[in-house]
Amino acid sequence: MWNPSPEVAVARDFGKRFNKNKVVILAINETEGTYQIVTYGQTKQMCAEADQLGARIEAMIANGKLRI
């Protein structure tokens, strides 16, 4: 499944450049108090697995188990 978003393109490029088949990026802007999680997987299955990991990170942030 192709995702043309610029954020996913950066994750995809990182994976290609550093020979990684799954990438999860947690980007934080402390000034604005915001964060973003971006995931990429080389195959449809790997994409789903990376997305699941991103969702687990999101849940940990939401319930206070991971402070950013």
Protein backbone atom coordinates (compact mmCIF):
# COMPACT_ATOMS: atom_id res chain seq x y z
CA MET A 1 0.00 0.00 0.00
CA TRP A 2 1.59 3.25 -1.15
CA ASN A 3 1.31 6.30 1.08
CA PRO A 4 2.38 9.53 -0.65
CA SER A 5 2.46 11.70 2.50
CA PRO A 6 5.73 13.64 2.95
CA GLU A 7 6.17 12.24 6.47
CA VAL A 8 5.95 8.64 5.27
CA ALA A 9 8.28 9.48 2.37
CA VAL A 10 10.92 10.54 4.92
CA ALA A 11 10.46 7.29 6.86
CA ARG A 12 10.62 5.28 3.62
CA ASP A 13 13.80 7.11 2.56
CA PHE A 14 15.35 6.44 5.98
CA GLY A 15 14.54 2.75 5.64
CA LYS A 16 16.06 2.57 2.17
CA ARG A 17 19.17 4.55 3.11
CA PHE A 18 19.92 2.57 6.26
CA ASN A 19 18.64 -0.82 5.03
CA LYS A 20 15.71 -1.06 7.48
CA ASN A 21 12.45 -2.75 6.49
CA LYS A 22 10.37 -1.13 9.27
CA VAL A 23 10.67 2.44 10.53
CA VAL A 24 8.87 4.19 13.39
CA ILE A 25 9.53 7.89 13.93
CA LEU A 26 8.44 9.78 17.03
CA ALA A 27 8.82 13.52 16.36
CA ILE A 28 8.30 15.99 19.21
CA ASN A 29 7.83 19.76 19.28
CA GLU A 30 8.26 20.74 22.92
CA THR A 31 7.52 24.41 22.23
CA GLU A 32 4.06 23.61 20.84
CA GLY A 33 3.52 20.58 23.08
CA THR A 34 2.83 18.34 20.10
CA TYR A 35 4.16 15.09 18.72
CA GLN A 36 3.68 12.90 15.68
CA ILE A 37 4.25 9.21 15.07
CA VAL A 38 5.07 8.12 11.53
CA THR A 39 5.43 4.50 10.48
CA TYR A 40 6.68 2.71 7.36
CA GLY A 41 6.98 -0.94 6.39
CA GLN A 42 8.57 -2.34 3.26
CA THR A 43 5.72 -4.80 2.64
CA LYS A 44 2.03 -4.67 3.46
CA GLN A 45 2.63 -7.02 6.43
CA MET A 46 5.62 -5.01 7.70
CA CYS A 47 3.62 -1.81 7.30
CA ALA A 48 0.86 -3.28 9.49
CA GLU A 49 3.42 -4.38 12.10
CA ALA A 50 5.10 -0.96 12.17
CA ASP A 51 1.66 0.65 12.46
CA GLN A 52 0.82 -1.61 15.42
CA LEU A 53 4.05 -0.57 17.14
CA GLY A 54 3.22 3.09 16.48
CA ALA A 55 -0.22 2.53 18.02
CA ARG A 56 1.36 0.94 21.11
CA ILE A 57 3.67 3.93 21.49
CA GLU A 58 0.65 6.24 21.11
CA ALA A 59 -1.21 4.31 23.82
CA MET A 60 1.78 4.47 26.17
CA ILE A 61 1.95 8.25 25.72
CA ALA A 62 -1.81 8.61 26.24
CA ASN A 63 -1.84 6.61 29.48
CA GLY A 64 1.30 8.24 30.89
CA LYS A 65 3.58 5.21 30.64
CA LEU A 66 5.82 7.03 28.19
CA ARG A 67 6.58 10.67 28.93
CA ILE A 68 7.70 12.91 26.11
